[in-house]
C-alpha atoms as a PDB file:
ATOM      1  CA  MET A   1       4.282  -2.869  17.321  1.00  0.00           C
ATOM      2  CA  ALA A   2       3.973  -0.194  14.605  1.00  0.00           C
ATOM      3  CA  TYR A   3       1.071  -1.989  12.867  1.00  0.00           C
ATOM      4  CA  VAL A   4      -1.945   0.355  12.924  1.00  0.00           C
ATOM      5  CA  SER A   5      -4.929   1.531  10.893  1.00  0.00           C
ATOM      6  CA  ALA A   6      -4.534   4.529   8.599  1.00  0.00           C
ATOM      7  CA  THR A   7      -7.215   6.621  10.300  1.00  0.00           C
ATOM      8  CA  ASP A   8      -5.041   8.734  12.580  1.00  0.00           C
ATOM      9  CA  MET A   9      -2.380   9.069   9.882  1.00  0.00           C
ATOM     10  CA  VAL A  10      -4.639  10.653   7.297  1.00  0.00           C
ATOM     11  CA  ILE A  11      -6.427  12.887   9.816  1.00  0.00           C
ATOM     12  CA  ASP A  12      -3.086  14.260  10.976  1.00  0.00           C
ATOM     13  CA  ALA A  13      -1.991  14.662   7.357  1.00  0.00           C
ATOM     14  CA  ARG A  14      -5.164  16.550   6.506  1.00  0.00           C
ATOM     15  CA  ASN A  15      -4.844  18.830   9.528  1.00  0.00           C
ATOM     16  CA  ARG A  16      -1.142  19.553   9.020  1.00  0.00           C
ATOM     17  CA  LYS A  17      -1.214  19.774   5.219  1.00  0.00           C
ATOM     18  CA  TYR A  18       1.004  16.874   4.212  1.00  0.00           C
ATOM     19  CA  ALA A  19       0.256  13.511   2.606  1.00  0.00           C
ATOM     20  CA  VAL A  20       0.933   9.953   3.706  1.00  0.00           C
ATOM     21  CA  GLY A  21       2.561   7.814   1.052  1.00  0.00           C
ATOM     22  CA  HIS A  22       0.755   4.652  -0.018  1.00  0.00           C
ATOM     23  CA  PHE A  23       3.259   2.310  -1.655  1.00  0.00           C
ATOM     24  CA  ASN A  24       2.102  -0.862  -3.384  1.00  0.00           C
ATOM     25  CA  LEU A  25       3.738  -4.171  -2.536  1.00  0.00           C
ATOM     26  CA  ASN A  26       4.673  -6.457  -5.410  1.00  0.00           C
ATOM     27  CA  ASN A  27       6.908  -9.022  -3.694  1.00  0.00           C
ATOM     28  CA  MET A  28       8.884  -9.513  -0.483  1.00  0.00           C
ATOM     29  CA  GLU A  29      11.642  -7.118  -1.585  1.00  0.00           C
ATOM     30  CA  PHE A  30       9.140  -4.270  -1.702  1.00  0.00           C
ATOM     31  CA  ILE A  31       8.144  -4.910   1.914  1.00  0.00           C
ATOM     32  CA  ARG A  32      11.728  -4.543   3.095  1.00  0.00           C
ATOM     33  CA  ALA A  33      12.475  -1.471   0.984  1.00  0.00           C
ATOM     34  CA  PHE A  34       9.386   0.481   2.008  1.00  0.00           C
ATOM     35  CA  LEU A  35       9.666  -0.305   5.716  1.00  0.00           C
ATOM     36  CA  LEU A  36      13.314   0.776   5.751  1.00  0.00           C
ATOM     37  CA  ALA A  37      12.430   3.968   3.886  1.00  0.00           C
ATOM     38  CA  ALA A  38       9.711   4.855   6.384  1.00  0.00           C
ATOM     39  CA  GLN A  39      11.926   4.153   9.380  1.00  0.00           C
ATOM     40  CA  GLU A  40      14.851   6.172   8.014  1.00  0.00           C
ATOM     41  CA  THR A  41      12.673   9.192   7.243  1.00  0.00           C
ATOM     42  CA  GLN A  42      10.472   8.772  10.332  1.00  0.00           C
ATOM     43  CA  SER A  43       7.398   8.843   8.122  1.00  0.00           C
ATOM     44  CA  PRO A  44       4.047   7.155   8.670  1.00  0.00           C
ATOM     45  CA  MET A  45       3.353   4.836   5.751  1.00  0.00           C
ATOM     46  CA  ILE A  46       0.664   2.736   4.114  1.00  0.00           C
ATOM     47  CA  LEU A  47       1.582  -0.523   2.371  1.00  0.00           C
ATOM     48  CA  GLY A  48      -0.916  -1.260  -0.382  1.00  0.00           C
ATOM     49  CA  VAL A  49      -1.869  -4.661  -1.794  1.00  0.00           C
ATOM     50  CA  SER A  50      -3.932  -5.047  -4.960  1.00  0.00           C
ATOM     51  CA  GLY A  51      -6.121  -8.063  -5.581  1.00  0.00           C
ATOM     52  CA  SER A  52      -3.744  -9.454  -8.202  1.00  0.00           C
ATOM     53  CA  THR A  53      -0.767  -9.039  -5.857  1.00  0.00           C
ATOM     54  CA  ALA A  54      -2.672 -10.826  -3.098  1.00  0.00           C
ATOM     55  CA  LYS A  55      -3.144 -13.796  -5.433  1.00  0.00           C
ATOM     56  CA  TYR A  56       0.520 -13.732  -6.475  1.00  0.00           C
ATOM     57  CA  MET A  57       1.796 -13.576  -2.891  1.00  0.00           C
ATOM     58  CA  GLY A  58      -0.411 -16.356  -1.549  1.00  0.00           C
ATOM     59  CA  GLY A  59      -3.510 -14.477  -0.409  1.00  0.00           C
ATOM     60  CA  TYR A  60      -4.220 -11.701   2.074  1.00  0.00           C
ATOM     61  CA  ARG A  61      -3.471 -13.875   5.099  1.00  0.00           C
ATOM     62  CA  SER A  62      -0.025 -14.783   3.762  1.00  0.00           C
ATOM     63  CA  ILE A  63       0.796 -11.105   3.269  1.00  0.00           C
ATOM     64  CA  VAL A  64      -0.189 -10.242   6.834  1.00  0.00           C
ATOM     65  CA  GLY A  65       2.030 -13.118   7.902  1.00  0.00           C
ATOM     66  CA  MET A  66       4.953 -11.529   6.058  1.00  0.00           C
ATOM     67  CA  VAL A  67       4.459  -7.864   6.896  1.00  0.00           C
ATOM     68  CA  LYS A  68       4.003  -8.184  10.661  1.00  0.00           C
ATOM     69  CA  PRO A  69       7.168 -10.275  11.207  1.00  0.00           C
ATOM     70  CA  PHE A  70       9.111  -7.910   8.937  1.00  0.00           C
ATOM     71  CA  ILE A  71       8.034  -4.969  11.120  1.00  0.00           C
ATOM     72  CA  ASP A  72       9.357  -6.787  14.181  1.00  0.00           C
ATOM     73  CA  HIS A  73      12.516  -8.087  12.514  1.00  0.00           C
ATOM     74  CA  LEU A  74      13.525  -4.657  11.200  1.00  0.00           C
ATOM     75  CA  ALA A  75      12.588  -2.983  14.516  1.00  0.00           C
ATOM     76  CA  ILE A  76      10.201  -0.589  12.778  1.00  0.00           C
ATOM     77  CA  THR A  77       8.762   1.990  15.170  1.00  0.00           C
ATOM     78  CA  VAL A  78       6.911   4.313  12.780  1.00  0.00           C
ATOM     79  CA  PRO A  79       3.171   3.769  12.136  1.00  0.00           C
ATOM     80  CA  VAL A  80       2.543   1.299   9.293  1.00  0.00           C
ATOM     81  CA  ALA A  81      -0.861   0.407   7.881  1.00  0.00           C
ATOM     82  CA  LEU A  82      -1.469  -2.598   5.624  1.00  0.00           C
ATOM     83  CA  HIS A  83      -4.111  -1.625   3.103  1.00  0.00           C
ATOM     84  CA  ALA A  84      -6.134  -3.795   0.695  1.00  0.00           C
ATOM     85  CA  ASP A  85      -6.229  -1.644  -2.444  1.00  0.00           C
ATOM     86  CA  HIS A  86      -9.143  -1.556  -4.920  1.00  0.00           C
ATOM     87  CA  GLY A  87     -10.991  -4.492  -3.403  1.00  0.00           C
ATOM     88  CA  ASN A  88     -14.476  -5.576  -4.341  1.00  0.00           C
ATOM     89  CA  PHE A  89     -16.898  -6.357  -1.509  1.00  0.00           C
ATOM     90  CA  ALA A  90     -15.777  -9.990  -1.138  1.00  0.00           C
ATOM     91  CA  GLN A  91     -12.090  -9.104  -1.289  1.00  0.00           C
ATOM     92  CA  VAL A  92     -12.501  -6.429   1.362  1.00  0.00           C
ATOM     93  CA  LEU A  93     -14.188  -8.898   3.717  1.00  0.00           C
ATOM     94  CA  ASP A  94     -11.410 -11.406   3.006  1.00  0.00           C
ATOM     95  CA  ALA A  95      -8.714  -8.820   3.808  1.00  0.00           C
ATOM     96  CA  ILE A  96     -10.481  -7.815   7.020  1.00  0.00           C
ATOM     97  CA  ASP A  97     -10.715 -11.441   8.097  1.00  0.00           C
ATOM     98  CA  ALA A  98      -7.025 -11.927   7.257  1.00  0.00           C
ATOM     99  CA  GLY A  99      -5.958  -9.122   9.589  1.00  0.00           C
ATOM    100  CA  PHE A 100      -5.422  -6.108   7.333  1.00  0.00           C
ATOM    101  CA  SER A 101      -5.536  -2.830   9.249  1.00  0.00           C
ATOM    102  CA  SER A 102      -6.978  -0.791   6.387  1.00  0.00           C
ATOM    103  CA  VAL A 103      -9.122  -1.566   3.332  1.00  0.00           C
ATOM    104  CA  MET A 104     -10.408   0.112   0.206  1.00  0.00           C
ATOM    105  CA  PHE A 105     -13.784  -0.780  -1.230  1.00  0.00           C
ATOM    106  CA  ASP A 106     -13.828   0.131  -4.906  1.00  0.00           C
ATOM    107  CA  GLY A 107     -17.476   0.215  -5.871  1.00  0.00           C
ATOM    108  CA  SER A 108     -16.885   2.822  -8.554  1.00  0.00           C
ATOM    109  CA  SER A 109     -18.007   0.491 -11.357  1.00  0.00           C
ATOM    110  CA  LEU A 110     -21.348  -0.133  -9.614  1.00  0.00           C
ATOM    111  CA  PRO A 111     -24.450   2.069  -9.816  1.00  0.00           C
ATOM    112  CA  PHE A 112     -23.897   4.795  -7.254  1.00  0.00           C
ATOM    113  CA  GLU A 113     -26.729   3.745  -4.923  1.00  0.00           C
ATOM    114  CA  GLU A 114     -25.323   0.216  -4.757  1.00  0.00           C
ATOM    115  CA  ASN A 115     -21.829   1.584  -4.140  1.00  0.00           C
ATOM    116  CA  LEU A 116     -23.227   3.730  -1.334  1.00  0.00           C
ATOM    117  CA  HIS A 117     -25.185   0.855   0.244  1.00  0.00           C
ATOM    118  CA  LYS A 118     -22.240  -1.534   0.259  1.00  0.00           C
ATOM    119  CA  SER A 119     -19.981   1.217   1.603  1.00  0.00           C
ATOM    120  CA  GLU A 120     -22.419   1.805   4.472  1.00  0.00           C
ATOM    121  CA  GLN A 121     -22.255  -1.878   5.372  1.00  0.00           C
ATOM    122  CA  LEU A 122     -18.463  -1.778   5.431  1.00  0.00           C
ATOM    123  CA  VAL A 123     -18.387   1.382   7.543  1.00  0.00           C
ATOM    124  CA  GLU A 124     -20.085  -0.515  10.369  1.00  0.00           C
ATOM    125  CA  ILE A 125     -17.848  -3.561  10.035  1.00  0.00           C
ATOM    126  CA  CYS A 126     -14.643  -1.523   9.926  1.00  0.00           C
ATOM    127  CA  ARG A 127     -15.674   0.756  12.788  1.00  0.00           C
ATOM    128  CA  LYS A 128     -16.251  -2.227  15.096  1.00  0.00           C
ATOM    129  CA  LYS A 129     -12.851  -3.712  14.215  1.00  0.00           C
ATOM    130  CA  GLY A 130     -10.877  -0.457  14.285  1.00  0.00           C
ATOM    131  CA  ILE A 131      -9.988  -0.720  10.598  1.00  0.00           C
ATOM    132  CA  SER A 132      -9.754   2.309   8.313  1.00  0.00           C
ATOM    133  CA  LEU A 133     -11.960   2.349   5.226  1.00  0.00           C
ATOM    134  CA  GLU A 134     -11.368   4.074   1.890  1.00  0.00           C
ATOM    135  CA  CYS A 135     -14.087   4.244  -0.761  1.00  0.00           C
ATOM    136  CA  GLU A 136     -14.167   5.494  -4.342  1.00  0.00           C
ATOM    137  CA  VAL A 137     -16.646   7.293  -6.561  1.00  0.00           C
ATOM    138  CA  ASN A 138     -16.717   7.215 -10.356  1.00  0.00           C
ATOM    139  CA  GLY A 139     -13.465   5.620 -11.576  1.00  0.00           C
ATOM    140  CA  ILE A 140      -9.797   6.482 -11.687  1.00  0.00           C
ATOM    141  CA  GLY A 141      -8.448   6.320 -15.238  1.00  0.00           C
ATOM    142  CA  GLY A 142      -5.740   4.016 -16.551  1.00  0.00           C
ATOM    143  CA  GLU A 143      -5.209   0.325 -15.829  1.00  0.00           C
ATOM    144  CA  GLU A 144      -5.596  -1.442 -12.486  1.00  0.00           C
ATOM    145  CA  ASP A 145      -5.524  -5.241 -12.170  1.00  0.00           C
ATOM    146  CA  GLY A 146      -6.012  -5.592 -15.924  1.00  0.00           C
ATOM    147  CA  VAL A 147      -9.095  -3.362 -16.020  1.00  0.00           C
ATOM    148  CA  VAL A 148      -8.710  -0.325 -18.279  1.00  0.00           C
ATOM    149  CA  THR A 149     -10.945   2.676 -17.619  1.00  0.00           C
ATOM    150  CA  VAL A 150     -11.101   6.098 -19.182  1.00  0.00           C
ATOM    151  CA  GLY A 151     -11.611   7.700 -15.792  1.00  0.00           C
ATOM    152  CA  GLY A 152     -12.175  11.409 -15.629  1.00  0.00           C
ATOM    153  CA  THR A 153     -13.680  13.498 -12.901  1.00  0.00           C
ATOM    154  CA  ALA A 154     -15.837  12.704  -9.900  1.00  0.00           C
ATOM    155  CA  ASP A 155     -19.351  13.987  -9.242  1.00  0.00           C
ATOM    156  CA  PRO A 156     -19.117  16.331  -6.221  1.00  0.00           C
ATOM    157  CA  GLU A 157     -22.616  15.428  -5.025  1.00  0.00           C
ATOM    158  CA  GLN A 158     -21.755  11.727  -5.000  1.00  0.00           C
ATOM    159  CA  CYS A 159     -18.578  12.601  -3.108  1.00  0.00           C
ATOM    160  CA  ARG A 160     -20.638  14.525  -0.558  1.00  0.00           C
ATOM    161  CA  ARG A 161     -23.058  11.658   0.002  1.00  0.00           C
ATOM    162  CA  LEU A 162     -20.319   9.063   0.321  1.00  0.00           C
ATOM    163  CA  GLY A 163     -18.381  11.289   2.709  1.00  0.00           C
ATOM    164  CA  LEU A 164     -21.387  11.607   5.001  1.00  0.00           C
ATOM    165  CA  ILE A 165     -21.572   7.902   5.911  1.00  0.00           C
ATOM    166  CA  GLY A 166     -18.404   7.890   7.982  1.00  0.00           C
ATOM    167  CA  ILE A 167     -15.679   6.595   5.678  1.00  0.00           C
ATOM    168  CA  ASN A 168     -12.107   7.467   6.648  1.00  0.00           C
ATOM    169  CA  MET A 169     -10.790   8.272   3.167  1.00  0.00           C
ATOM    170  CA  LEU A 170     -12.342   9.161  -0.181  1.00  0.00           C
ATOM    171  CA  ALA A 171     -10.797   8.484  -3.592  1.00  0.00           C
ATOM    172  CA  ALA A 172     -12.230  10.753  -6.274  1.00  0.00           C
ATOM    173  CA  GLY A 173     -11.013  11.249  -9.817  1.00  0.00           C
ATOM    174  CA  ILE A 174      -9.630  14.715 -10.568  1.00  0.00           C
ATOM    175  CA  GLY A 175      -7.926  13.852 -13.853  1.00  0.00           C
ATOM    176  CA  ASN A 176      -5.424  11.403 -12.330  1.00  0.00           C
ATOM    177  CA  ILE A 177      -4.825   7.956 -13.856  1.00  0.00           C
ATOM    178  CA  HIS A 178      -3.187   4.656 -12.932  1.00  0.00           C
ATOM    179  CA  GLY A 179      -0.007   3.666 -14.701  1.00  0.00           C
ATOM    180  CA  LYS A 180       2.092   5.795 -17.035  1.00  0.00           C
ATOM    181  CA  TYR A 181       0.858   9.259 -17.905  1.00  0.00           C
ATOM    182  CA  PRO A 182       0.627  10.105 -21.628  1.00  0.00           C
ATOM    183  CA  ALA A 183       2.586  13.034 -23.020  1.00  0.00           C
ATOM    184  CA  ASP A 184      -0.624  14.986 -23.670  1.00  0.00           C
ATOM    185  CA  TRP A 185      -2.059  14.544 -20.159  1.00  0.00           C
ATOM    186  CA  PRO A 186      -3.771  17.851 -19.269  1.00  0.00           C
ATOM    187  CA  GLY A 187      -3.040  17.715 -15.541  1.00  0.00           C
ATOM    188  CA  LEU A 188      -5.106  17.681 -12.338  1.00  0.00           C
ATOM    189  CA  HIS A 189      -8.374  19.595 -11.989  1.00  0.00           C
ATOM    190  CA  PHE A 190      -7.669  21.741  -8.955  1.00  0.00           C
ATOM    191  CA  ASP A 191     -10.992  23.609  -8.996  1.00  0.00           C
ATOM    192  CA  LEU A 192     -12.802  20.275  -8.711  1.00  0.00           C
ATOM    193  CA  LEU A 193     -10.468  19.111  -5.931  1.00  0.00           C
ATOM    194  CA  GLU A 194     -11.143  22.295  -3.982  1.00  0.00           C
ATOM    195  CA  GLU A 195     -14.902  21.835  -4.379  1.00  0.00           C
ATOM    196  CA  ILE A 196     -14.785  18.168  -3.321  1.00  0.00           C
ATOM    197  CA  ALA A 197     -12.705  19.026  -0.246  1.00  0.00           C
ATOM    198  CA  ARG A 198     -15.235  21.670   0.765  1.00  0.00           C
ATOM    199  CA  ILE A 199     -18.385  19.691   0.062  1.00  0.00           C
ATOM    200  CA  THR A 200     -17.150  16.574   1.908  1.00  0.00           C
ATOM    201  CA  ASP A 201     -16.339  18.625   5.015  1.00  0.00           C
ATOM    202  CA  TYR A 202     -12.649  17.947   4.463  1.00  0.00           C
ATOM    203  CA  THR A 203     -12.775  14.160   4.641  1.00  0.00           C
ATOM    204  CA  PRO A 204      -9.190  12.995   3.955  1.00  0.00           C
ATOM    205  CA  LEU A 205      -8.906  12.676   0.186  1.00  0.00           C
ATOM    206  CA  VAL A 206      -6.819  10.147  -1.752  1.00  0.00           C
ATOM    207  CA  LEU A 207      -4.905  10.705  -4.983  1.00  0.00           C
ATOM    208  CA  HIS A 208      -4.456   7.488  -6.936  1.00  0.00           C
ATOM    209  CA  GLY A 209      -1.896   7.301  -9.726  1.00  0.00           C
ATOM    210  CA  GLY A 210       0.653   9.413  -7.852  1.00  0.00           C
ATOM    211  CA  SER A 211       3.568   8.239 -10.003  1.00  0.00           C
ATOM    212  CA  GLN A 212       4.952  10.728 -12.528  1.00  0.00           C
ATOM    213  CA  ILE A 213       2.699  13.635 -11.499  1.00  0.00           C
ATOM    214  CA  PRO A 214       4.873  16.785 -11.441  1.00  0.00           C
ATOM    215  CA  ALA A 215       6.019  17.885  -7.978  1.00  0.00           C
ATOM    216  CA  ASN A 216       4.355  21.289  -8.185  1.00  0.00           C
ATOM    217  CA  MET A 217       0.992  19.650  -8.908  1.00  0.00           C
ATOM    218  CA  LEU A 218       1.383  17.262  -5.976  1.00  0.00           C
ATOM    219  CA  ARG A 219       2.238  20.100  -3.594  1.00  0.00           C
ATOM    220  CA  ARG A 220      -0.813  22.045  -4.695  1.00  0.00           C
ATOM    221  CA  ALA A 221      -3.045  18.978  -4.398  1.00  0.00           C
ATOM    222  CA  ILE A 222      -1.821  18.406  -0.835  1.00  0.00           C
ATOM    223  CA  ALA A 223      -2.502  22.037   0.053  1.00  0.00           C
ATOM    224  CA  LEU A 224      -6.076  21.610  -1.228  1.00  0.00           C
ATOM    225  CA  GLY A 225      -6.899  18.473   0.777  1.00  0.00           C
ATOM    226  CA  ILE A 226      -5.105  15.402  -0.581  1.00  0.00           C
ATOM    227  CA  SER A 227      -3.979  13.424   2.486  1.00  0.00           C
ATOM    228  CA  LYS A 228      -2.883  10.105   0.928  1.00  0.00           C
ATOM    229  CA  ILE A 229      -1.010   9.586  -2.332  1.00  0.00           C
ATOM    230  CA  ASN A 230      -0.690   6.184  -4.014  1.00  0.00           C
ATOM    231  CA  VAL A 231       2.591   5.312  -5.738  1.00  0.00           C
ATOM    232  CA  ASN A 232       3.233   2.075  -7.612  1.00  0.00           C
ATOM    233  CA  THR A 233       4.273   2.405 -11.258  1.00  0.00           C
ATOM    234  CA  GLU A 234       7.289   4.592 -10.543  1.00  0.00           C
ATOM    235  CA  CYS A 235       8.618   2.105  -7.992  1.00  0.00           C
ATOM    236  CA  GLN A 236       8.206  -0.869 -10.315  1.00  0.00           C
ATOM    237  CA  MET A 237       9.963   0.992 -13.124  1.00  0.00           C
ATOM    238  CA  ALA A 238      12.866   1.926 -10.819  1.00  0.00           C
ATOM    239  CA  PHE A 239      13.165  -1.678  -9.600  1.00  0.00           C
ATOM    240  CA  ALA A 240      13.218  -3.064 -13.141  1.00  0.00           C
ATOM    241  CA  ALA A 241      15.749  -0.494 -14.361  1.00  0.00           C
ATOM    242  CA  ALA A 242      18.165  -1.183 -11.497  1.00  0.00           C
ATOM    243  CA  VAL A 243      18.036  -4.963 -11.921  1.00  0.00           C
ATOM    244  CA  ARG A 244      18.378  -4.616 -15.701  1.00  0.00           C
ATOM    245  CA  GLU A 245      21.499  -2.484 -15.293  1.00  0.00           C
ATOM    246  CA  TYR A 246      23.012  -5.026 -12.895  1.00  0.00           C
ATOM    247  CA  ILE A 247      22.517  -7.846 -15.413  1.00  0.00           C
ATOM    248  CA  GLU A 248      23.617  -5.809 -18.443  1.00  0.00           C
ATOM    249  CA  GLN A 249      26.861  -5.032 -16.629  1.00  0.00           C
ATOM    250  CA  GLY A 250      27.404  -8.782 -16.226  1.00  0.00           C
ATOM    251  CA  LYS A 251      27.522  -8.627 -12.442  1.00  0.00           C
ATOM    252  CA  ASP A 252      25.327 -11.714 -12.188  1.00  0.00           C
ATOM    253  CA  ARG A 253      28.192 -13.704 -13.761  1.00  0.00           C
ATOM    254  CA  ILE A 254      30.776 -12.685 -11.183  1.00  0.00           C
ATOM    255  CA  GLY A 255      31.133 -14.980  -8.159  1.00  0.00           C
ATOM    256  CA  THR A 256      27.721 -15.564  -6.587  1.00  0.00           C
ATOM    257  CA  GLY A 257      26.225 -12.493  -8.228  1.00  0.00           C
ATOM    258  CA  TYR A 258      23.513 -14.763  -9.584  1.00  0.00           C
ATOM    259  CA  SER A 259      22.017 -15.337  -6.097  1.00  0.00           C
ATOM    260  CA  LEU A 260      18.600 -13.729  -5.825  1.00  0.00           C
ATOM    261  CA  GLN A 261      19.490 -11.679  -2.755  1.00  0.00           C
ATOM    262  CA  THR A 262      22.422 -10.132  -4.600  1.00  0.00           C
ATOM    263  CA  LEU A 263      20.680  -9.926  -7.969  1.00  0.00           C
ATOM    264  CA  LEU A 264      17.653  -8.093  -6.602  1.00  0.00           C
ATOM    265  CA  SER A 265      19.446  -5.855  -4.101  1.00  0.00           C
ATOM    266  CA  PRO A 266      19.926  -2.992  -6.605  1.00  0.00           C
ATOM    267  CA  GLY A 267      16.175  -3.020  -7.157  1.00  0.00           C
ATOM    268  CA  VAL A 268      15.514  -2.884  -3.418  1.00  0.00           C
ATOM    269  CA  GLU A 269      17.848   0.080  -3.055  1.00  0.00           C
ATOM    270  CA  ALA A 270      16.213   1.817  -6.026  1.00  0.00           C
ATOM    271  CA  ILE A 271      12.664   1.607  -4.708  1.00  0.00           C
ATOM    272  CA  GLN A 272      13.810   2.597  -1.233  1.00  0.00           C
ATOM    273  CA  ARG A 273      15.261   5.785  -2.743  1.00  0.00           C
ATOM    274  CA  VAL A 274      12.063   6.449  -4.702  1.00  0.00           C
ATOM    275  CA  ALA A 275       9.959   6.015  -1.564  1.00  0.00           C
ATOM    276  CA  MET A 276      12.184   8.327   0.470  1.00  0.00           C
ATOM    277  CA  ASP A 277      12.098  10.978  -2.261  1.00  0.00           C
ATOM    278  CA  LYS A 278       8.299  10.773  -2.357  1.00  0.00           C
ATOM    279  CA  MET A 279       8.041  11.044   1.432  1.00  0.00           C
ATOM    280  CA  MET A 280      10.145  14.198   1.292  1.00  0.00           C
ATOM    281  CA  LEU A 281       7.941  15.596  -1.477  1.00  0.00           C
ATOM    282  CA  PHE A 282       4.727  14.670   0.353  1.00  0.00           C
ATOM    283  CA  GLY A 283       5.943  16.370   3.541  1.00  0.00           C
ATOM    284  CA  SER A 284       5.624  13.265   5.723  1.00  0.00           C
ATOM    285  CA  VAL A 285       9.266  13.164   6.837  1.00  0.00           C
ATOM    286  CA  GLY A 286       9.521  13.464  10.615  1.00  0.00           C
ATOM    287  CA  LYS A 287       5.738  13.207  11.067  1.00  0.00           C
ATOM    288  CA  ALA A 288       5.775   9.701  12.622  1.00  0.00           C
END
């Protein structure tokens, strides 16, 4: 089966200067679209699940029970990791127990020493189970699971200390935000990214909020050490636009065009195209 942790993926991406796409699931249609995109492009891929999505889709165990059979049913051969995104300590343990192959502990809202201590505990748990672990310092701006943060830039020394404990991936703010980017967004802080990459001994770095960042910025970020890029907003917007167009054209009123499989199929095709375009941009095509 193609179900694996993200550890080898991001190490290879770091060494060969590309990035693995992390695409957030929102319902069953997203599972199908992303898996097909990865298989067609022969790209390794990470499927992300936020805490709110886990609740919506019946819990972490239910999602594992959907993703694994989908991998088999679609005959997926490329490496696929199932990643619990932005989990607190309890959520991470729940996802591990449910069978996720990768987890993110987001202790960025905690005092740094507490974040570090809890991350150390999870390093040991994940190492024993062969699960990849991502941790975060400071906070990524924007909105995630209803929590709005200003975000900003990470403290390089905190990045260094967190990188030393044996985590597999590090998420650090370099001016990126979740959700839509405002018109006056100043862009990524590449000098800071370069410093963080150096001071963490080139631990694979994660760029959250990968939607809508200009292609030239993403390419430069990858060249400087970004090994995993999270994409969610852009896929949801593409899905909504495609389904809206289908309904506005009245196709749901023709024959059985109202059936959910038919109604949602334009959305599935739209997010599959977005994912494939991102994989091409990230340089992961043919790396599986």
